Structure formats: C-alpha cells, structure tokens
N, C-alpha and C. Protein backbone atom coordinates (compact mmCIF):
# COMPACT_ATOMS: atom_id res chain seq x y z
N MET A 1 -244.29 61.39 -5.90
CA MET A 1 -243.92 60.78 -7.15
C MET A 1 -242.46 60.36 -7.07
N ASP A 2 -242.17 59.09 -7.34
CA ASP A 2 -240.78 58.67 -7.30
C ASP A 2 -240.10 58.96 -8.64
N LYS A 3 -238.77 58.82 -8.65
CA LYS A 3 -237.96 59.19 -9.81
C LYS A 3 -238.37 58.45 -11.07
N ALA A 4 -238.75 57.19 -10.97
CA ALA A 4 -239.10 56.38 -12.13
C ALA A 4 -240.36 56.88 -12.83
N GLU A 5 -241.21 57.60 -12.14
CA GLU A 5 -242.47 58.06 -12.72
C GLU A 5 -242.37 59.40 -13.43
N SER A 6 -241.28 60.13 -13.25
CA SER A 6 -241.20 61.45 -13.88
C SER A 6 -240.30 61.40 -15.10
N VAL A 7 -240.70 62.13 -16.14
CA VAL A 7 -239.91 62.18 -17.37
C VAL A 7 -239.04 63.43 -17.40
N VAL A 8 -239.52 64.51 -16.81
CA VAL A 8 -238.74 65.75 -16.69
C VAL A 8 -238.65 66.10 -15.21
N GLU A 9 -237.42 66.37 -14.75
CA GLU A 9 -237.20 66.77 -13.37
C GLU A 9 -236.40 68.07 -13.36
N ILE A 10 -236.95 69.07 -12.73
CA ILE A 10 -236.31 70.38 -12.63
C ILE A 10 -236.06 70.65 -11.16
N GLN A 11 -234.82 71.03 -10.82
CA GLN A 11 -234.46 71.24 -9.42
C GLN A 11 -233.69 72.55 -9.26
N ASP A 12 -234.22 73.46 -8.46
CA ASP A 12 -233.54 74.73 -8.13
C ASP A 12 -233.02 75.43 -9.38
N PHE A 13 -233.86 75.55 -10.40
CA PHE A 13 -233.44 76.11 -11.69
C PHE A 13 -233.67 77.62 -11.73
N ASN A 14 -232.66 78.34 -12.18
CA ASN A 14 -232.69 79.80 -12.28
C ASN A 14 -232.25 80.21 -13.68
N LEU A 15 -232.79 81.32 -14.17
CA LEU A 15 -232.39 81.85 -15.47
C LEU A 15 -232.33 83.36 -15.40
N TRP A 16 -231.28 83.91 -16.01
CA TRP A 16 -231.11 85.35 -16.10
C TRP A 16 -231.00 85.77 -17.56
N TYR A 17 -231.64 86.88 -17.89
CA TYR A 17 -231.40 87.59 -19.15
C TYR A 17 -230.52 88.77 -18.76
N GLY A 18 -229.23 88.63 -18.97
CA GLY A 18 -228.29 89.65 -18.50
C GLY A 18 -228.33 89.69 -16.98
N LYS A 19 -228.65 90.84 -16.41
CA LYS A 19 -228.72 90.99 -14.95
C LYS A 19 -230.12 90.77 -14.40
N SER A 20 -231.10 90.59 -15.29
CA SER A 20 -232.49 90.42 -14.87
C SER A 20 -232.83 88.94 -14.71
N GLN A 21 -233.19 88.54 -13.49
CA GLN A 21 -233.52 87.14 -13.23
C GLN A 21 -234.97 86.88 -13.59
N ALA A 22 -235.18 85.93 -14.50
CA ALA A 22 -236.53 85.61 -14.99
C ALA A 22 -237.12 84.38 -14.29
N LEU A 23 -236.29 83.43 -13.90
CA LEU A 23 -236.76 82.23 -13.18
C LEU A 23 -236.00 82.14 -11.86
N HIS A 24 -236.73 81.86 -10.78
CA HIS A 24 -236.16 81.84 -9.43
C HIS A 24 -236.38 80.48 -8.78
N ASP A 25 -235.34 79.68 -8.66
CA ASP A 25 -235.38 78.42 -7.91
C ASP A 25 -236.60 77.55 -8.25
N VAL A 26 -236.82 77.30 -9.52
CA VAL A 26 -237.95 76.47 -9.96
C VAL A 26 -237.62 75.00 -9.72
N SER A 27 -238.51 74.29 -9.07
CA SER A 27 -238.39 72.84 -8.89
C SER A 27 -239.73 72.22 -9.28
N LEU A 28 -239.65 71.17 -10.10
CA LEU A 28 -240.87 70.61 -10.68
C LEU A 28 -240.57 69.22 -11.23
N LYS A 29 -241.49 68.30 -11.07
CA LYS A 29 -241.40 66.98 -11.70
C LYS A 29 -242.61 66.81 -12.61
N LEU A 30 -242.35 66.43 -13.86
CA LEU A 30 -243.43 66.20 -14.81
C LEU A 30 -243.59 64.70 -15.01
N PRO A 31 -244.76 64.16 -14.72
CA PRO A 31 -244.96 62.71 -14.81
C PRO A 31 -244.99 62.21 -16.25
N LYS A 32 -244.50 61.01 -16.41
CA LYS A 32 -244.50 60.34 -17.72
C LYS A 32 -245.93 59.97 -18.10
N SER A 33 -246.25 60.12 -19.39
CA SER A 33 -247.55 59.71 -19.96
C SER A 33 -248.74 60.46 -19.37
N LYS A 34 -248.52 61.68 -18.94
CA LYS A 34 -249.60 62.51 -18.40
C LYS A 34 -249.57 63.86 -19.10
N VAL A 35 -250.71 64.51 -19.17
CA VAL A 35 -250.80 65.86 -19.69
C VAL A 35 -250.59 66.82 -18.51
N THR A 36 -249.69 67.76 -18.69
CA THR A 36 -249.40 68.74 -17.64
C THR A 36 -249.60 70.13 -18.22
N ALA A 37 -250.32 70.98 -17.52
CA ALA A 37 -250.55 72.36 -17.97
C ALA A 37 -249.83 73.32 -17.04
N LEU A 38 -249.14 74.28 -17.63
CA LEU A 38 -248.56 75.38 -16.88
C LEU A 38 -249.45 76.59 -17.10
N ILE A 39 -250.02 77.10 -16.03
CA ILE A 39 -250.90 78.26 -16.16
C ILE A 39 -250.42 79.37 -15.25
N GLY A 40 -250.70 80.59 -15.65
CA GLY A 40 -250.31 81.74 -14.86
C GLY A 40 -250.44 83.00 -15.68
N PRO A 41 -250.28 84.14 -15.04
CA PRO A 41 -250.44 85.41 -15.74
C PRO A 41 -249.34 85.64 -16.76
N SER A 42 -249.61 86.54 -17.68
CA SER A 42 -248.63 86.92 -18.70
C SER A 42 -247.36 87.43 -18.02
N GLY A 43 -246.23 86.95 -18.52
CA GLY A 43 -244.94 87.43 -18.01
C GLY A 43 -244.43 86.74 -16.77
N CYS A 44 -245.07 85.64 -16.34
CA CYS A 44 -244.63 84.99 -15.10
C CYS A 44 -243.54 83.94 -15.32
N GLY A 45 -243.19 83.63 -16.59
CA GLY A 45 -242.08 82.71 -16.84
C GLY A 45 -242.45 81.37 -17.43
N LYS A 46 -243.71 81.16 -17.79
CA LYS A 46 -244.13 79.86 -18.35
C LYS A 46 -243.36 79.53 -19.63
N SER A 47 -243.37 80.44 -20.58
CA SER A 47 -242.69 80.20 -21.85
C SER A 47 -241.18 80.13 -21.66
N THR A 48 -240.65 80.95 -20.78
CA THR A 48 -239.21 80.92 -20.50
C THR A 48 -238.81 79.55 -19.98
N LEU A 49 -239.59 78.99 -19.07
CA LEU A 49 -239.29 77.66 -18.53
C LEU A 49 -239.36 76.61 -19.63
N LEU A 50 -240.40 76.65 -20.45
CA LEU A 50 -240.52 75.67 -21.53
C LEU A 50 -239.38 75.78 -22.53
N ARG A 51 -238.95 77.00 -22.81
CA ARG A 51 -237.82 77.19 -23.72
C ARG A 51 -236.53 76.61 -23.12
N CYS A 52 -236.44 76.55 -21.81
CA CYS A 52 -235.27 75.96 -21.16
C CYS A 52 -235.25 74.45 -21.35
N VAL A 53 -236.42 73.83 -21.34
CA VAL A 53 -236.49 72.37 -21.43
C VAL A 53 -235.91 71.87 -22.75
N ASN A 54 -236.09 72.61 -23.84
CA ASN A 54 -235.47 72.18 -25.10
C ASN A 54 -234.32 73.08 -25.52
N ARG A 55 -233.82 73.85 -24.58
CA ARG A 55 -232.63 74.71 -24.73
C ARG A 55 -232.76 75.73 -25.85
N MET A 56 -233.96 76.22 -26.09
CA MET A 56 -234.16 77.29 -27.07
C MET A 56 -233.51 78.59 -26.59
N ASN A 57 -233.35 78.75 -25.27
CA ASN A 57 -232.72 79.96 -24.75
C ASN A 57 -231.23 80.01 -25.05
N ASP A 58 -230.65 78.89 -25.49
CA ASP A 58 -229.25 78.91 -25.91
C ASP A 58 -229.04 79.88 -27.07
N LEU A 59 -230.11 80.15 -27.81
CA LEU A 59 -230.03 81.02 -28.98
C LEU A 59 -230.14 82.50 -28.63
N VAL A 60 -230.35 82.81 -27.35
CA VAL A 60 -230.53 84.19 -26.89
C VAL A 60 -229.24 84.65 -26.22
N ASP A 61 -228.71 85.79 -26.68
CA ASP A 61 -227.51 86.35 -26.06
C ASP A 61 -227.76 86.71 -24.61
N SER A 62 -226.76 86.61 -23.81
CA SER A 62 -226.74 87.03 -22.40
C SER A 62 -227.63 86.19 -21.48
N VAL A 63 -228.02 84.99 -21.90
CA VAL A 63 -228.80 84.11 -21.02
C VAL A 63 -227.84 83.25 -20.20
N ASN A 64 -228.07 83.19 -18.89
CA ASN A 64 -227.31 82.32 -18.00
C ASN A 64 -228.29 81.49 -17.19
N THR A 65 -227.92 80.24 -16.94
CA THR A 65 -228.77 79.35 -16.16
C THR A 65 -227.97 78.73 -15.02
N LYS A 66 -228.70 78.29 -14.00
CA LYS A 66 -228.11 77.60 -12.86
C LYS A 66 -229.16 76.64 -12.33
N GLY A 67 -228.73 75.44 -11.97
CA GLY A 67 -229.66 74.45 -11.45
C GLY A 67 -229.65 73.21 -12.30
N SER A 68 -230.56 72.31 -12.02
CA SER A 68 -230.62 71.02 -12.71
C SER A 68 -231.92 70.87 -13.47
N MET A 69 -231.80 70.34 -14.68
CA MET A 69 -232.97 70.02 -15.50
C MET A 69 -232.65 68.71 -16.22
N LYS A 70 -233.47 67.69 -15.96
CA LYS A 70 -233.21 66.36 -16.52
C LYS A 70 -234.38 65.87 -17.36
N LEU A 71 -234.06 65.20 -18.45
CA LEU A 71 -235.03 64.51 -19.29
C LEU A 71 -234.68 63.03 -19.24
N ALA A 72 -235.61 62.22 -18.75
CA ALA A 72 -235.39 60.78 -18.62
C ALA A 72 -234.08 60.48 -17.88
N GLY A 73 -233.80 61.26 -16.83
CA GLY A 73 -232.63 61.03 -16.00
C GLY A 73 -231.33 61.64 -16.52
N GLN A 74 -231.33 62.19 -17.71
CA GLN A 74 -230.12 62.78 -18.29
C GLN A 74 -230.16 64.30 -18.15
N GLU A 75 -229.07 64.87 -17.68
CA GLU A 75 -228.98 66.32 -17.49
C GLU A 75 -229.03 67.03 -18.84
N ILE A 76 -230.03 67.89 -19.02
CA ILE A 76 -230.23 68.60 -20.28
C ILE A 76 -229.10 69.58 -20.55
N TYR A 77 -228.57 70.19 -19.50
CA TYR A 77 -227.53 71.21 -19.66
C TYR A 77 -226.12 70.66 -19.50
N ASP A 78 -225.96 69.35 -19.55
CA ASP A 78 -224.62 68.75 -19.54
C ASP A 78 -223.86 69.24 -20.77
N PRO A 79 -222.59 69.62 -20.62
CA PRO A 79 -221.83 70.10 -21.78
C PRO A 79 -221.79 69.11 -22.95
N GLY A 80 -221.91 67.82 -22.67
CA GLY A 80 -221.88 66.82 -23.73
C GLY A 80 -223.25 66.47 -24.30
N ALA A 81 -224.30 67.12 -23.81
CA ALA A 81 -225.66 66.82 -24.29
C ALA A 81 -225.79 67.20 -25.76
N ASP A 82 -226.45 66.33 -26.53
CA ASP A 82 -226.71 66.57 -27.95
C ASP A 82 -228.00 67.38 -28.06
N VAL A 83 -227.86 68.67 -28.30
CA VAL A 83 -229.01 69.58 -28.31
C VAL A 83 -229.96 69.25 -29.46
N ILE A 84 -229.44 68.85 -30.59
CA ILE A 84 -230.29 68.51 -31.73
C ILE A 84 -231.16 67.30 -31.39
N GLU A 85 -230.59 66.28 -30.80
CA GLU A 85 -231.37 65.10 -30.39
C GLU A 85 -232.39 65.48 -29.32
N LEU A 86 -232.00 66.33 -28.40
CA LEU A 86 -232.91 66.80 -27.35
C LEU A 86 -234.13 67.47 -27.98
N ARG A 87 -233.90 68.36 -28.93
CA ARG A 87 -235.00 69.08 -29.56
C ARG A 87 -235.88 68.17 -30.41
N LYS A 88 -235.35 67.07 -30.88
CA LYS A 88 -236.17 66.08 -31.61
C LYS A 88 -237.14 65.39 -30.66
N ARG A 89 -236.75 65.26 -29.39
CA ARG A 89 -237.56 64.54 -28.40
C ARG A 89 -238.58 65.43 -27.71
N ILE A 90 -238.38 66.75 -27.77
CA ILE A 90 -239.27 67.67 -27.08
C ILE A 90 -239.85 68.64 -28.10
N GLY A 91 -241.15 68.50 -28.36
CA GLY A 91 -241.80 69.39 -29.32
C GLY A 91 -242.37 70.61 -28.63
N MET A 92 -242.51 71.67 -29.40
CA MET A 92 -243.14 72.89 -28.90
C MET A 92 -244.11 73.42 -29.93
N VAL A 93 -245.21 73.97 -29.46
CA VAL A 93 -246.16 74.67 -30.33
C VAL A 93 -246.09 76.13 -29.92
N PHE A 94 -245.71 76.98 -30.86
CA PHE A 94 -245.51 78.40 -30.58
C PHE A 94 -246.80 79.17 -30.80
N GLN A 95 -246.94 80.31 -30.12
CA GLN A 95 -248.11 81.17 -30.30
C GLN A 95 -248.19 81.67 -31.73
N LYS A 96 -247.06 82.08 -32.26
CA LYS A 96 -247.00 82.56 -33.64
C LYS A 96 -246.31 81.49 -34.47
N PRO A 97 -246.83 81.19 -35.67
CA PRO A 97 -246.21 80.16 -36.51
C PRO A 97 -244.78 80.51 -36.87
N ASN A 98 -243.93 79.49 -36.87
CA ASN A 98 -242.54 79.64 -37.32
C ASN A 98 -242.40 78.91 -38.64
N PRO A 99 -241.71 79.55 -39.60
CA PRO A 99 -241.57 78.87 -40.91
C PRO A 99 -240.77 77.60 -40.80
C-alpha cells in the first residue's frame, strides 16, 4: 500500500502507563475508505491503540508515548496539533455509554 492510499499511518509506536509498557513498536497502515477490524484477546492493547489515534490517552496521568502516528499525513502528536479538531475527525464507539 503506498502512502496516498492510507489515511492513518502508525510507525514504531510505543505507549507506557508509568513504567508499564502497553504498546510495543506498533506499525500499521489503515487504508482510506475501507473497514478495518482490530481483533485480539482481552488486554492485548486494541483499545489503548485506538485511544492513541484520537489522543484520549492525553487525559490519563503518567502516559508517555514514542513513535509516529499520522492522520492524512499530519503527525497526530505534533505539539501544534489541534486535539479538538482531531477528535472531531475521529469518532469512537465505547463499550459503555458516555454521557
């Protein structure tokens, strides 16, 4: 898949909750206009990864990230990124309803 075909690109992405590493060198390209499913056992990091894509983990104390995550070619974790606009572009459906 070339760069023009992917809408989300994740490269060597890592996440820690304090000293505990939850994501290890994740690399993934999500194609534009396609349905993509992340499947795996409970606790393997699916929800953690999805929370990274819209920066929901910014709201969790002691979270640190390393690596690259891009939406439409723009770095999601760039210090100048508009998180509110990012969250408007990326929807999430949670297991439990949020008010």
